[in-house]
């Protein structure tokens, strides 16, 4: 698959179900970066790579109304973590995109995701014959950025019943494949493509990087 070529076997799921506690409870995905919400930066990176996209978010879905995307909440109560968000996304995909064989999960607070993320995750998954693949960079794994066969849904449900909430634990338990990514050049700065906005200082860094990239372009 060429870079930025959509894959209609894959449904994208933006995981936005957290509480943004380090941002004072503000909805991180709607914070402004370079004149548009962070969510739009993530969508611009993911949209060309997948068929349809759904947002996984708890609370009032109306806050995402301007993005013309379906929103699905966790069916597990109590902010059960990213595995619950993946569960909700795969449930939605099996109903709304029944031809999709995979779900690509991405964090909604990582505005510099690789444009070949899905293609490389899929290549790693197929090469290993694994049921899932996750991204890695800079010596760290990023299980929220992953590709998951929809057939994993019963295993995810069982893990949630066993109070497993972390995606990395689920991925490790299913012998996931790993695709490793290098830094991306943004305005002359080498940036981890999985840099995520967790705190106010991260938001400032993202804004500066966005400005530097726009200036250089």
N, C-alpha and C. Protein backbone atom coordinates (compact mmCIF):
# COMPACT_ATOMS: atom_id res chain seq x y z
N UNK A 1 0.84 -1.20 0.00
CA UNK A 1 0.00 0.00 0.00
C UNK A 1 0.87 1.25 0.00
N UNK A 2 0.56 2.19 -0.86
CA UNK A 2 1.32 3.44 -0.89
C UNK A 2 0.97 4.29 0.33
N UNK A 3 1.90 5.17 0.68
CA UNK A 3 1.69 6.07 1.80
C UNK A 3 0.43 6.90 1.56
N UNK A 4 -0.40 7.04 2.59
CA UNK A 4 -1.63 7.83 2.56
C UNK A 4 -2.69 7.24 1.61
N UNK A 5 -2.61 5.94 1.32
CA UNK A 5 -3.66 5.29 0.53
C UNK A 5 -4.62 4.62 1.49
N UNK A 6 -5.90 4.92 1.36
CA UNK A 6 -6.88 4.40 2.32
C UNK A 6 -7.01 2.89 2.20
N UNK A 7 -7.31 2.25 3.30
CA UNK A 7 -7.48 0.80 3.37
C UNK A 7 -8.88 0.53 3.90
N UNK A 8 -9.78 0.10 3.04
CA UNK A 8 -11.16 -0.09 3.45
C UNK A 8 -11.38 -1.39 4.22
N UNK A 9 -10.31 -2.18 4.40
CA UNK A 9 -10.40 -3.30 5.33
C UNK A 9 -10.25 -2.82 6.78
N UNK A 10 -9.89 -1.55 6.95
CA UNK A 10 -9.58 -1.02 8.28
C UNK A 10 -10.54 0.10 8.64
N UNK A 11 -11.13 0.00 9.83
CA UNK A 11 -11.92 1.09 10.41
C UNK A 11 -11.07 1.77 11.48
N UNK A 12 -11.03 3.10 11.44
CA UNK A 12 -10.25 3.85 12.41
C UNK A 12 -11.06 4.20 13.65
N UNK A 13 -10.43 4.10 14.81
CA UNK A 13 -11.06 4.46 16.08
C UNK A 13 -10.16 5.45 16.81
N UNK A 14 -10.65 6.66 17.02
CA UNK A 14 -9.93 7.66 17.81
C UNK A 14 -10.32 7.48 19.26
N UNK A 15 -9.35 7.14 20.09
CA UNK A 15 -9.62 6.89 21.50
C UNK A 15 -9.54 8.21 22.28
N UNK A 16 -10.71 8.71 22.64
CA UNK A 16 -10.80 9.99 23.37
C UNK A 16 -11.63 9.81 24.64
N UNK A 17 -11.57 8.64 25.23
CA UNK A 17 -12.44 8.33 26.36
C UNK A 17 -11.90 8.70 27.72
N UNK A 18 -10.68 9.27 27.77
CA UNK A 18 -10.09 9.62 29.06
C UNK A 18 -10.69 10.88 29.66
N UNK A 19 -10.21 11.23 30.86
CA UNK A 19 -10.78 12.37 31.59
C UNK A 19 -9.95 13.64 31.51
N UNK A 20 -8.81 13.62 30.82
CA UNK A 20 -7.97 14.81 30.64
C UNK A 20 -7.62 15.47 31.98
N UNK A 21 -7.31 14.65 32.97
CA UNK A 21 -7.10 15.19 34.33
C UNK A 21 -5.91 16.14 34.39
N UNK A 22 -4.83 15.88 33.63
CA UNK A 22 -3.66 16.74 33.67
C UNK A 22 -3.84 18.04 32.89
N UNK A 23 -4.96 18.13 32.17
CA UNK A 23 -5.29 19.38 31.48
C UNK A 23 -6.43 20.10 32.19
N UNK A 24 -6.60 19.80 33.47
CA UNK A 24 -7.63 20.46 34.25
C UNK A 24 -9.04 20.08 33.84
N UNK A 25 -9.17 18.88 33.26
CA UNK A 25 -10.50 18.43 32.84
C UNK A 25 -10.96 18.98 31.52
N UNK A 26 -10.16 19.85 30.87
CA UNK A 26 -10.53 20.36 29.55
C UNK A 26 -10.45 19.25 28.52
N UNK A 27 -11.32 19.30 27.54
CA UNK A 27 -11.31 18.31 26.47
C UNK A 27 -10.06 18.53 25.61
N UNK A 28 -9.06 17.66 25.78
CA UNK A 28 -7.79 17.87 25.09
C UNK A 28 -7.95 17.94 23.58
N UNK A 29 -8.77 17.07 23.06
CA UNK A 29 -8.86 16.96 21.61
C UNK A 29 -9.41 18.21 20.95
N UNK A 30 -10.09 19.06 21.71
CA UNK A 30 -10.68 20.27 21.13
C UNK A 30 -9.83 21.51 21.38
N UNK A 31 -8.68 21.36 22.03
CA UNK A 31 -7.78 22.49 22.25
C UNK A 31 -7.14 22.92 20.92
N UNK A 32 -6.91 24.21 20.80
CA UNK A 32 -6.42 24.77 19.54
C UNK A 32 -4.92 24.54 19.36
N UNK A 33 -4.57 24.02 18.19
CA UNK A 33 -3.17 23.91 17.76
C UNK A 33 -3.11 24.46 16.34
N UNK A 34 -2.42 25.56 16.16
CA UNK A 34 -2.27 26.12 14.83
C UNK A 34 -3.56 26.55 14.19
N UNK A 35 -4.51 27.00 14.99
CA UNK A 35 -5.74 27.53 14.44
C UNK A 35 -6.85 26.53 14.22
N UNK A 36 -6.65 25.30 14.65
CA UNK A 36 -7.72 24.31 14.54
C UNK A 36 -7.60 23.31 15.68
N UNK A 37 -8.70 22.64 16.03
CA UNK A 37 -8.66 21.70 17.15
C UNK A 37 -7.65 20.58 16.92
N UNK A 38 -7.04 20.11 17.98
CA UNK A 38 -6.09 19.01 17.87
C UNK A 38 -6.70 17.81 17.17
N UNK A 39 -7.98 17.56 17.42
CA UNK A 39 -8.66 16.43 16.79
C UNK A 39 -8.54 16.50 15.27
N UNK A 40 -8.59 17.68 14.70
CA UNK A 40 -8.52 17.82 13.25
C UNK A 40 -7.14 17.45 12.72
N UNK A 41 -6.10 17.71 13.51
CA UNK A 41 -4.76 17.29 13.12
C UNK A 41 -4.66 15.77 13.08
N UNK A 42 -5.24 15.12 14.10
CA UNK A 42 -5.22 13.65 14.14
C UNK A 42 -6.01 13.09 12.97
N UNK A 43 -7.18 13.65 12.72
CA UNK A 43 -8.01 13.18 11.61
C UNK A 43 -7.31 13.35 10.27
N UNK A 44 -6.62 14.47 10.09
CA UNK A 44 -5.92 14.71 8.83
C UNK A 44 -4.86 13.65 8.59
N UNK A 45 -4.25 13.14 9.66
CA UNK A 45 -3.25 12.08 9.53
C UNK A 45 -3.89 10.72 9.29
N UNK A 46 -5.00 10.44 9.96
CA UNK A 46 -5.59 9.11 9.91
C UNK A 46 -6.53 8.92 8.73
N UNK A 47 -7.30 9.94 8.37
CA UNK A 47 -8.38 9.77 7.41
C UNK A 47 -7.94 9.14 6.08
N UNK A 48 -6.79 9.54 5.51
CA UNK A 48 -6.41 8.94 4.23
C UNK A 48 -6.00 7.47 4.33
N UNK A 49 -5.84 6.95 5.54
CA UNK A 49 -5.30 5.61 5.72
C UNK A 49 -6.34 4.53 5.95
N UNK A 50 -7.58 4.93 6.25
CA UNK A 50 -8.61 3.97 6.65
C UNK A 50 -9.89 4.20 5.86
N UNK A 51 -10.86 3.27 6.06
CA UNK A 51 -12.16 3.45 5.46
C UNK A 51 -12.96 4.48 6.25
N UNK A 52 -13.72 4.03 7.24
CA UNK A 52 -14.49 4.94 8.08
C UNK A 52 -13.80 5.15 9.42
N UNK A 53 -14.24 6.20 10.12
CA UNK A 53 -13.66 6.57 11.41
C UNK A 53 -14.77 6.78 12.41
N UNK A 54 -14.56 6.31 13.64
CA UNK A 54 -15.47 6.55 14.76
C UNK A 54 -14.66 7.11 15.92
N UNK A 55 -15.28 8.00 16.68
CA UNK A 55 -14.65 8.55 17.88
C UNK A 55 -15.17 7.79 19.09
N UNK A 56 -14.28 7.27 19.89
CA UNK A 56 -14.67 6.70 21.19
C UNK A 56 -14.49 7.77 22.25
N UNK A 57 -15.61 8.19 22.85
CA UNK A 57 -15.56 9.23 23.88
C UNK A 57 -16.72 9.05 24.83
N UNK A 58 -16.46 9.29 26.10
CA UNK A 58 -17.52 9.26 27.10
C UNK A 58 -18.04 10.67 27.35
N UNK A 59 -19.18 10.80 28.00
CA UNK A 59 -19.76 12.12 28.22
C UNK A 59 -20.64 12.54 27.06
N UNK A 60 -20.91 13.82 26.98
CA UNK A 60 -21.83 14.36 25.98
C UNK A 60 -21.21 14.30 24.59
N UNK A 61 -21.77 13.51 23.66
CA UNK A 61 -21.18 13.43 22.32
C UNK A 61 -21.36 14.70 21.50
N UNK A 62 -22.23 15.61 21.96
CA UNK A 62 -22.50 16.83 21.19
C UNK A 62 -21.26 17.70 21.03
N UNK A 63 -20.27 17.54 21.91
CA UNK A 63 -19.08 18.38 21.81
C UNK A 63 -18.27 18.07 20.55
N UNK A 64 -18.54 16.93 19.91
CA UNK A 64 -17.86 16.57 18.68
C UNK A 64 -18.75 16.76 17.45
N UNK A 65 -19.88 17.43 17.62
CA UNK A 65 -20.86 17.51 16.55
C UNK A 65 -20.30 18.17 15.29
N UNK A 66 -19.38 19.09 15.43
CA UNK A 66 -18.85 19.79 14.28
C UNK A 66 -17.93 18.97 13.40
N UNK A 67 -17.63 17.74 13.80
CA UNK A 67 -16.67 16.93 13.04
C UNK A 67 -17.34 15.87 12.16
N UNK A 68 -18.66 15.79 12.22
CA UNK A 68 -19.43 14.91 11.33
C UNK A 68 -18.95 13.46 11.39
N UNK A 69 -18.64 13.01 12.60
CA UNK A 69 -18.22 11.62 12.80
C UNK A 69 -19.09 10.98 13.86
N UNK A 70 -19.35 9.67 13.74
CA UNK A 70 -20.08 8.99 14.80
C UNK A 70 -19.26 8.95 16.08
N UNK A 71 -19.94 8.98 17.21
CA UNK A 71 -19.29 8.93 18.52
C UNK A 71 -19.89 7.76 19.29
N UNK A 72 -19.04 6.92 19.84
CA UNK A 72 -19.51 5.78 20.62
C UNK A 72 -18.82 5.81 21.98
N UNK A 73 -19.61 5.62 23.03
CA UNK A 73 -19.07 5.60 24.39
C UNK A 73 -18.69 4.18 24.79
N UNK A 74 -17.87 4.08 25.84
CA UNK A 74 -17.57 2.77 26.42
C UNK A 74 -18.87 2.11 26.87
N UNK A 75 -18.99 0.82 26.62
CA UNK A 75 -20.12 0.10 27.19
C UNK A 75 -19.79 -0.41 28.59
N UNK A 76 -18.52 -0.29 28.97
CA UNK A 76 -18.07 -0.64 30.33
C UNK A 76 -18.07 0.64 31.15
N UNK A 77 -18.74 0.65 32.27
CA UNK A 77 -18.85 1.86 33.08
C UNK A 77 -17.58 2.15 33.86
N UNK A 78 -17.40 3.42 34.23
CA UNK A 78 -16.35 3.80 35.16
C UNK A 78 -15.01 4.11 34.53
N UNK A 79 -14.98 4.61 33.29
CA UNK A 79 -13.72 4.94 32.64
C UNK A 79 -12.74 3.78 32.76
N UNK A 80 -13.09 2.69 32.09
CA UNK A 80 -12.35 1.43 32.24
C UNK A 80 -11.08 1.37 31.41
N UNK A 81 -10.66 2.49 30.84
CA UNK A 81 -9.37 2.53 30.17
C UNK A 81 -9.45 2.28 28.67
N UNK A 82 -8.28 2.33 28.02
CA UNK A 82 -8.25 2.24 26.56
C UNK A 82 -8.72 0.90 26.01
N UNK A 83 -8.57 -0.18 26.78
CA UNK A 83 -9.08 -1.46 26.28
C UNK A 83 -10.60 -1.42 26.13
N UNK A 84 -11.27 -0.71 27.04
CA UNK A 84 -12.72 -0.54 26.92
C UNK A 84 -13.07 0.30 25.70
N UNK A 85 -12.22 1.29 25.39
CA UNK A 85 -12.44 2.09 24.20
C UNK A 85 -12.27 1.28 22.94
N UNK A 86 -11.25 0.42 22.90
CA UNK A 86 -11.07 -0.46 21.76
C UNK A 86 -12.26 -1.40 21.61
N UNK A 87 -12.75 -1.91 22.73
CA UNK A 87 -13.93 -2.78 22.74
C UNK A 87 -15.11 -2.07 22.09
N UNK A 88 -15.35 -0.82 22.49
CA UNK A 88 -16.47 -0.06 21.93
C UNK A 88 -16.28 0.16 20.44
N UNK A 89 -15.03 0.45 20.03
CA UNK A 89 -14.75 0.70 18.63
C UNK A 89 -14.95 -0.54 17.77
N UNK A 90 -14.52 -1.69 18.25
CA UNK A 90 -14.69 -2.92 17.47
C UNK A 90 -16.16 -3.31 17.41
N UNK A 91 -16.89 -3.13 18.51
CA UNK A 91 -18.34 -3.39 18.47
C UNK A 91 -19.00 -2.54 17.40
N UNK A 92 -18.65 -1.26 17.36
CA UNK A 92 -19.22 -0.36 16.36
C UNK A 92 -18.84 -0.81 14.96
N UNK A 93 -17.59 -1.15 14.76
CA UNK A 93 -17.11 -1.54 13.44
C UNK A 93 -17.81 -2.80 12.94
N UNK A 94 -18.03 -3.75 13.82
CA UNK A 94 -18.67 -4.99 13.39
C UNK A 94 -20.11 -4.76 12.93
N UNK A 95 -20.75 -3.73 13.48
CA UNK A 95 -22.12 -3.41 13.09
C UNK A 95 -22.17 -2.48 11.88
N UNK A 96 -21.35 -1.43 11.92
CA UNK A 96 -21.45 -0.36 10.93
C UNK A 96 -20.52 -0.54 9.73
N UNK A 97 -19.44 -1.27 9.89
CA UNK A 97 -18.52 -1.53 8.77
C UNK A 97 -18.22 -3.03 8.73
N UNK A 98 -19.22 -3.84 8.42
CA UNK A 98 -19.07 -5.30 8.54
C UNK A 98 -18.01 -5.89 7.61
N UNK A 99 -17.61 -5.16 6.58
CA UNK A 99 -16.56 -5.68 5.70
C UNK A 99 -15.16 -5.43 6.23
N UNK A 100 -15.05 -4.61 7.27
CA UNK A 100 -13.73 -4.32 7.83
C UNK A 100 -13.20 -5.53 8.59
N UNK A 101 -11.95 -5.85 8.35
CA UNK A 101 -11.31 -6.97 9.03
C UNK A 101 -10.47 -6.52 10.22
N UNK A 102 -10.17 -5.23 10.26
CA UNK A 102 -9.29 -4.70 11.30
C UNK A 102 -9.84 -3.37 11.82
N UNK A 103 -9.43 -3.06 13.03
CA UNK A 103 -9.65 -1.73 13.60
C UNK A 103 -8.29 -1.14 13.94
N UNK A 104 -8.07 0.08 13.47
CA UNK A 104 -6.85 0.82 13.82
C UNK A 104 -7.19 1.82 14.91
N UNK A 105 -6.60 1.65 16.07
CA UNK A 105 -6.82 2.58 17.18
C UNK A 105 -5.70 3.60 17.20
N UNK A 106 -6.07 4.85 17.47
CA UNK A 106 -5.06 5.91 17.60
C UNK A 106 -5.44 6.81 18.76
N UNK A 107 -4.44 7.38 19.42
CA UNK A 107 -4.73 8.36 20.47
C UNK A 107 -5.20 9.66 19.85
N UNK A 108 -6.16 10.29 20.47
CA UNK A 108 -6.70 11.54 19.92
C UNK A 108 -5.89 12.75 20.35
N UNK A 109 -4.79 12.53 21.09
CA UNK A 109 -3.95 13.64 21.54
C UNK A 109 -2.54 13.56 20.97
N UNK A 110 -2.39 12.87 19.83
CA UNK A 110 -1.09 12.77 19.15
C UNK A 110 -1.23 13.38 17.76
N UNK A 111 -0.92 14.67 17.62
CA UNK A 111 -1.20 15.36 16.36
C UNK A 111 -0.21 15.11 15.23
N UNK A 112 0.86 14.34 15.48
CA UNK A 112 1.89 14.14 14.46
C UNK A 112 2.03 12.67 14.06
N UNK A 113 0.95 11.94 14.05
CA UNK A 113 0.98 10.51 13.73
C UNK A 113 1.56 10.26 12.34
N UNK A 114 2.24 9.12 12.14
CA UNK A 114 2.85 8.83 10.84
C UNK A 114 1.79 8.67 9.74
N UNK A 115 2.05 9.18 8.55
CA UNK A 115 1.10 9.02 7.45
C UNK A 115 1.03 7.59 6.91
N UNK A 116 2.01 6.75 7.29
CA UNK A 116 2.00 5.35 6.87
C UNK A 116 1.77 4.41 8.06
N UNK A 117 1.15 4.93 9.10
CA UNK A 117 0.94 4.14 10.32
C UNK A 117 0.21 2.85 10.04
N UNK A 118 -0.95 2.92 9.41
CA UNK A 118 -1.78 1.73 9.21
C UNK A 118 -1.09 0.73 8.30
N UNK A 119 -0.50 1.21 7.22
CA UNK A 119 0.16 0.30 6.29
C UNK A 119 1.28 -0.48 6.96
N UNK A 120 2.06 0.18 7.78
CA UNK A 120 3.19 -0.49 8.41
C UNK A 120 2.75 -1.41 9.53
N UNK A 121 1.70 -1.02 10.27
CA UNK A 121 1.15 -1.93 11.28
C UNK A 121 0.60 -3.19 10.63
N UNK A 122 -0.09 -3.01 9.52
CA UNK A 122 -0.67 -4.16 8.84
C UNK A 122 0.42 -5.08 8.29
N UNK A 123 1.47 -4.49 7.74
CA UNK A 123 2.57 -5.29 7.22
C UNK A 123 3.23 -6.11 8.34
N UNK A 124 3.41 -5.49 9.50
CA UNK A 124 4.01 -6.20 10.64
C UNK A 124 3.10 -7.32 11.12
N UNK A 125 1.81 -7.04 11.18
CA UNK A 125 0.83 -8.04 11.62
C UNK A 125 0.83 -9.25 10.69
N UNK A 126 0.80 -8.99 9.39
CA UNK A 126 0.73 -10.08 8.42
C UNK A 126 2.04 -10.87 8.38
N UNK A 127 3.16 -10.16 8.50
CA UNK A 127 4.46 -10.84 8.46
C UNK A 127 4.61 -11.82 9.62
N UNK A 128 4.07 -11.46 10.77
CA UNK A 128 4.19 -12.32 11.95
C UNK A 128 3.03 -13.30 12.07
N UNK A 129 1.95 -13.05 11.34
CA UNK A 129 0.76 -13.87 11.51
C UNK A 129 0.10 -13.64 12.85
N UNK A 130 0.20 -12.40 13.34
CA UNK A 130 -0.30 -12.06 14.67
C UNK A 130 -1.72 -11.50 14.56
N UNK A 131 -2.47 -11.53 15.67
CA UNK A 131 -3.82 -10.95 15.65
C UNK A 131 -3.83 -9.45 15.85
N UNK A 132 -2.68 -8.87 16.21
CA UNK A 132 -2.63 -7.43 16.45
C UNK A 132 -1.20 -6.94 16.27
N UNK A 133 -1.07 -5.64 16.07
CA UNK A 133 0.24 -5.01 15.95
C UNK A 133 0.18 -3.65 16.62
N UNK A 134 1.28 -3.25 17.26
CA UNK A 134 1.33 -1.95 17.89
C UNK A 134 2.57 -1.21 17.42
N UNK A 135 2.55 0.11 17.60
CA UNK A 135 3.65 0.96 17.16
C UNK A 135 4.69 1.09 18.26
N UNK A 136 5.91 1.42 17.83
CA UNK A 136 7.00 1.70 18.76
C UNK A 136 7.87 2.80 18.16
N UNK A 137 8.52 3.57 19.04
CA UNK A 137 9.47 4.59 18.60
C UNK A 137 10.35 4.96 19.78
N UNK A 138 11.58 5.32 19.48
CA UNK A 138 12.48 5.77 20.54
C UNK A 138 12.65 4.79 21.67
N UNK A 139 12.56 3.50 21.39
CA UNK A 139 12.72 2.48 22.42
C UNK A 139 11.50 2.24 23.28
N UNK A 140 10.38 2.89 22.96
CA UNK A 140 9.14 2.72 23.74
C UNK A 140 8.02 2.21 22.84
N UNK A 141 7.14 1.42 23.42
CA UNK A 141 5.98 0.93 22.68
C UNK A 141 4.78 1.85 22.93
N UNK A 142 3.91 1.93 21.93
CA UNK A 142 2.73 2.79 22.00
C UNK A 142 1.49 1.96 21.65
N UNK A 143 1.00 1.18 22.61
CA UNK A 143 -0.09 0.25 22.30
C UNK A 143 -1.41 0.92 21.91
N UNK A 144 -1.60 2.20 22.25
CA UNK A 144 -2.84 2.87 21.84
C UNK A 144 -2.85 3.06 20.32
N UNK A 145 -1.67 3.13 19.72
CA UNK A 145 -1.56 3.18 18.26
C UNK A 145 -1.37 1.75 17.77
N UNK A 146 -2.47 1.10 17.44
CA UNK A 146 -2.40 -0.32 17.11
C UNK A 146 -3.38 -0.73 16.04
N UNK A 147 -3.19 -1.92 15.53
CA UNK A 147 -4.09 -2.53 14.56
C UNK A 147 -4.55 -3.86 15.13
N UNK A 148 -5.87 -4.09 15.11
CA UNK A 148 -6.46 -5.22 15.82
C UNK A 148 -7.46 -5.94 14.91
N UNK A 149 -7.34 -7.24 14.82
CA UNK A 149 -8.34 -8.01 14.08
C UNK A 149 -9.67 -7.94 14.83
N UNK A 150 -10.76 -7.79 14.07
CA UNK A 150 -12.06 -7.67 14.73
C UNK A 150 -12.44 -8.96 15.46
N UNK A 151 -11.82 -10.08 15.07
CA UNK A 151 -12.11 -11.35 15.75
C UNK A 151 -11.61 -11.37 17.19
N UNK A 152 -10.87 -10.36 17.59
CA UNK A 152 -10.39 -10.29 18.97
C UNK A 152 -11.47 -9.86 19.96
N UNK A 153 -12.64 -9.46 19.46
CA UNK A 153 -13.66 -8.92 20.37
C UNK A 153 -13.98 -9.84 21.55
N UNK A 154 -14.23 -11.15 21.37
CA UNK A 154 -14.50 -12.00 22.55
C UNK A 154 -13.35 -12.02 23.54
N UNK A 155 -12.12 -12.02 23.04
CA UNK A 155 -10.97 -12.03 23.95
C UNK A 155 -10.88 -10.72 24.72
N UNK A 156 -11.22 -9.61 24.07
CA UNK A 156 -11.23 -8.32 24.76
C UNK A 156 -12.30 -8.32 25.84
N UNK A 157 -13.47 -8.84 25.52
CA UNK A 157 -14.56 -8.90 26.50
C UNK A 157 -14.15 -9.74 27.71
N UNK A 158 -13.48 -10.86 27.47
CA UNK A 158 -13.05 -11.70 28.58
C UNK A 158 -12.00 -10.99 29.42
N UNK A 159 -11.09 -10.27 28.78
CA UNK A 159 -10.06 -9.53 29.51
C UNK A 159 -10.69 -8.45 30.38
N UNK A 160 -11.70 -7.76 29.85
CA UNK A 160 -12.37 -6.73 30.64
C UNK A 160 -13.11 -7.34 31.82
N UNK A 161 -13.69 -8.51 31.62
CA UNK A 161 -14.34 -9.19 32.75
C UNK A 161 -13.33 -9.56 33.82
N UNK A 162 -12.10 -9.78 33.39
CA UNK A 162 -11.02 -10.11 34.34
C UNK A 162 -10.32 -8.87 34.87
N UNK A 163 -10.92 -7.70 34.62
CA UNK A 163 -10.43 -6.41 35.11
C UNK A 163 -9.09 -6.02 34.48
N UNK A 164 -8.82 -6.50 33.28
CA UNK A 164 -7.67 -6.03 32.53
C UNK A 164 -8.10 -4.79 31.75
N UNK A 165 -7.40 -3.67 31.94
CA UNK A 165 -7.78 -2.42 31.29
C UNK A 165 -6.70 -1.86 30.39
N UNK A 166 -5.47 -2.33 30.53
CA UNK A 166 -4.35 -1.76 29.79
C UNK A 166 -4.17 -2.45 28.44
N UNK A 167 -4.06 -1.66 27.40
CA UNK A 167 -3.86 -2.21 26.06
C UNK A 167 -2.54 -2.97 25.95
N UNK A 168 -1.49 -2.49 26.62
CA UNK A 168 -0.20 -3.16 26.48
C UNK A 168 -0.25 -4.57 27.06
N UNK A 169 -1.00 -4.76 28.14
CA UNK A 169 -1.12 -6.10 28.72
C UNK A 169 -1.88 -7.02 27.78
N UNK A 170 -2.93 -6.49 27.18
CA UNK A 170 -3.70 -7.31 26.23
C UNK A 170 -2.84 -7.64 25.01
N UNK A 171 -2.12 -6.66 24.49
CA UNK A 171 -1.27 -6.89 23.32
C UNK A 171 -0.20 -7.93 23.62
N UNK A 172 0.44 -7.83 24.77
CA UNK A 172 1.48 -8.79 25.14
C UNK A 172 0.91 -10.19 25.29
N UNK A 173 -0.30 -10.28 25.81
CA UNK A 173 -0.93 -11.58 26.01
C UNK A 173 -1.29 -12.26 24.69
N UNK A 174 -1.34 -11.47 23.62
CA UNK A 174 -1.70 -12.03 22.31
C UNK A 174 -0.56 -11.96 21.31
N UNK A 175 0.68 -11.91 21.84
CA UNK A 175 1.88 -12.01 21.01
C UNK A 175 1.83 -11.04 19.84
N UNK A 176 1.61 -9.76 20.15
CA UNK A 176 1.44 -8.75 19.12
C UNK A 176 2.71 -8.56 18.30
N UNK A 177 2.52 -8.13 17.07
CA UNK A 177 3.64 -7.67 16.24
C UNK A 177 3.94 -6.22 16.60
N UNK A 178 5.12 -5.76 16.24
CA UNK A 178 5.54 -4.38 16.55
C UNK A 178 6.12 -3.75 15.29
N UNK A 179 5.66 -2.55 14.98
CA UNK A 179 6.22 -1.76 13.89
C UNK A 179 6.93 -0.55 14.50
N UNK A 180 8.21 -0.38 14.18
CA UNK A 180 9.01 0.69 14.77
C UNK A 180 9.13 1.86 13.80
N UNK A 181 8.91 3.06 14.32
CA UNK A 181 8.92 4.28 13.53
C UNK A 181 10.03 5.21 14.02
N UNK A 182 10.66 5.89 13.08
CA UNK A 182 11.65 6.88 13.40
C UNK A 182 11.03 8.25 13.59
N UNK A 183 11.83 9.26 13.93
CA UNK A 183 11.32 10.60 14.14
C UNK A 183 10.86 11.24 12.83
N UNK A 184 9.98 12.21 12.96
CA UNK A 184 9.50 12.97 11.81
C UNK A 184 10.09 14.37 11.88
N UNK A 185 10.48 14.89 10.73
CA UNK A 185 11.02 16.24 10.66
C UNK A 185 9.88 17.25 10.58
N UNK A 186 9.78 18.10 11.58
CA UNK A 186 8.78 19.16 11.58
C UNK A 186 9.49 20.49 11.76
N UNK A 187 9.53 21.26 10.72
CA UNK A 187 10.20 22.56 10.78
C UNK A 187 11.65 22.48 11.17
N UNK A 188 12.32 21.39 10.77
CA UNK A 188 13.73 21.23 11.10
C UNK A 188 13.99 20.57 12.43
N UNK A 189 12.94 20.17 13.14
CA UNK A 189 13.08 19.51 14.44
C UNK A 189 12.66 18.05 14.32
N UNK A 190 13.48 17.14 14.83
CA UNK A 190 13.15 15.71 14.85
C UNK A 190 12.15 15.46 15.97
N UNK A 191 10.96 15.00 15.61
CA UNK A 191 9.86 14.84 16.57
C UNK A 191 9.39 13.39 16.57
N UNK A 192 9.23 12.84 17.75
CA UNK A 192 8.62 11.52 17.88
C UNK A 192 7.20 11.61 17.34
N UNK A 193 6.83 10.81 16.34
CA UNK A 193 5.48 10.93 15.77
C UNK A 193 4.37 10.55 16.74
N UNK A 194 4.74 9.92 17.87
CA UNK A 194 3.74 9.55 18.86
C UNK A 194 3.79 10.48 20.09
N UNK A 195 4.45 11.61 19.92
CA UNK A 195 4.40 12.64 20.96
C UNK A 195 2.93 12.98 21.23
N UNK A 196 2.57 12.95 22.51
CA UNK A 196 1.17 13.23 22.84
C UNK A 196 1.05 14.38 23.84
N UNK A 197 -0.07 15.04 23.77
CA UNK A 197 -0.34 16.23 24.57
C UNK A 197 -1.05 15.81 25.85
N UNK A 198 -0.30 15.75 26.93
CA UNK A 198 -0.85 15.33 28.21
C UNK A 198 -0.98 16.47 29.21
N UNK A 199 -0.17 17.51 29.04
CA UNK A 199 -0.08 18.58 30.03
C UNK A 199 0.06 19.92 29.30
N UNK A 200 -0.15 21.03 29.99
CA UNK A 200 -0.06 22.34 29.33
C UNK A 200 1.26 22.57 28.60
N UNK A 201 2.38 22.10 29.16
CA UNK A 201 3.66 22.30 28.47
C UNK A 201 3.74 21.51 27.16
N UNK A 202 3.06 20.37 27.11
CA UNK A 202 3.00 19.60 25.86
C UNK A 202 2.19 20.35 24.81
N UNK A 203 1.12 20.98 25.26
CA UNK A 203 0.29 21.76 24.33
C UNK A 203 1.10 22.90 23.73
N UNK A 204 1.88 23.57 24.56
CA UNK A 204 2.71 24.67 24.06
C UNK A 204 3.74 24.16 23.06
N UNK A 205 4.33 23.01 23.35
CA UNK A 205 5.31 22.42 22.43
C UNK A 205 4.65 22.08 21.10
N UNK A 206 3.46 21.49 21.14
CA UNK A 206 2.75 21.14 19.91
C UNK A 206 2.42 22.37 19.09
N UNK A 207 2.02 23.43 19.76
CA UNK A 207 1.71 24.67 19.05
C UNK A 207 2.96 25.24 18.38
N UNK A 208 4.08 25.22 19.08
CA UNK A 208 5.32 25.73 18.52
C UNK A 208 5.79 24.90 17.33
N UNK A 209 5.64 23.58 17.45
CA UNK A 209 6.02 22.70 16.35
C UNK A 209 5.14 22.93 15.13
N UNK A 210 3.86 23.10 15.38
CA UNK A 210 2.93 23.36 14.28
C UNK A 210 3.28 24.67 13.58
N UNK A 211 3.61 25.67 14.35
CA UNK A 211 3.98 26.96 13.78
C UNK A 211 5.28 26.84 12.99
N UNK A 212 6.26 26.11 13.54
CA UNK A 212 7.53 25.94 12.85
C UNK A 212 7.35 25.20 11.54
N UNK A 213 6.50 24.17 11.55
CA UNK A 213 6.25 23.42 10.33
C UNK A 213 5.56 24.25 9.28
N UNK A 214 4.58 25.07 9.70
CA UNK A 214 3.85 25.91 8.77
C UNK A 214 4.76 26.98 8.19
N UNK A 215 5.64 27.53 9.02
CA UNK A 215 6.57 28.57 8.57
C UNK A 215 7.54 28.02 7.54
N UNK A 216 8.03 26.81 7.79
CA UNK A 216 8.99 26.22 6.87
C UNK A 216 8.33 25.85 5.54
N UNK A 217 7.07 25.39 5.62
CA UNK A 217 6.36 25.05 4.38
C UNK A 217 6.12 26.30 3.53
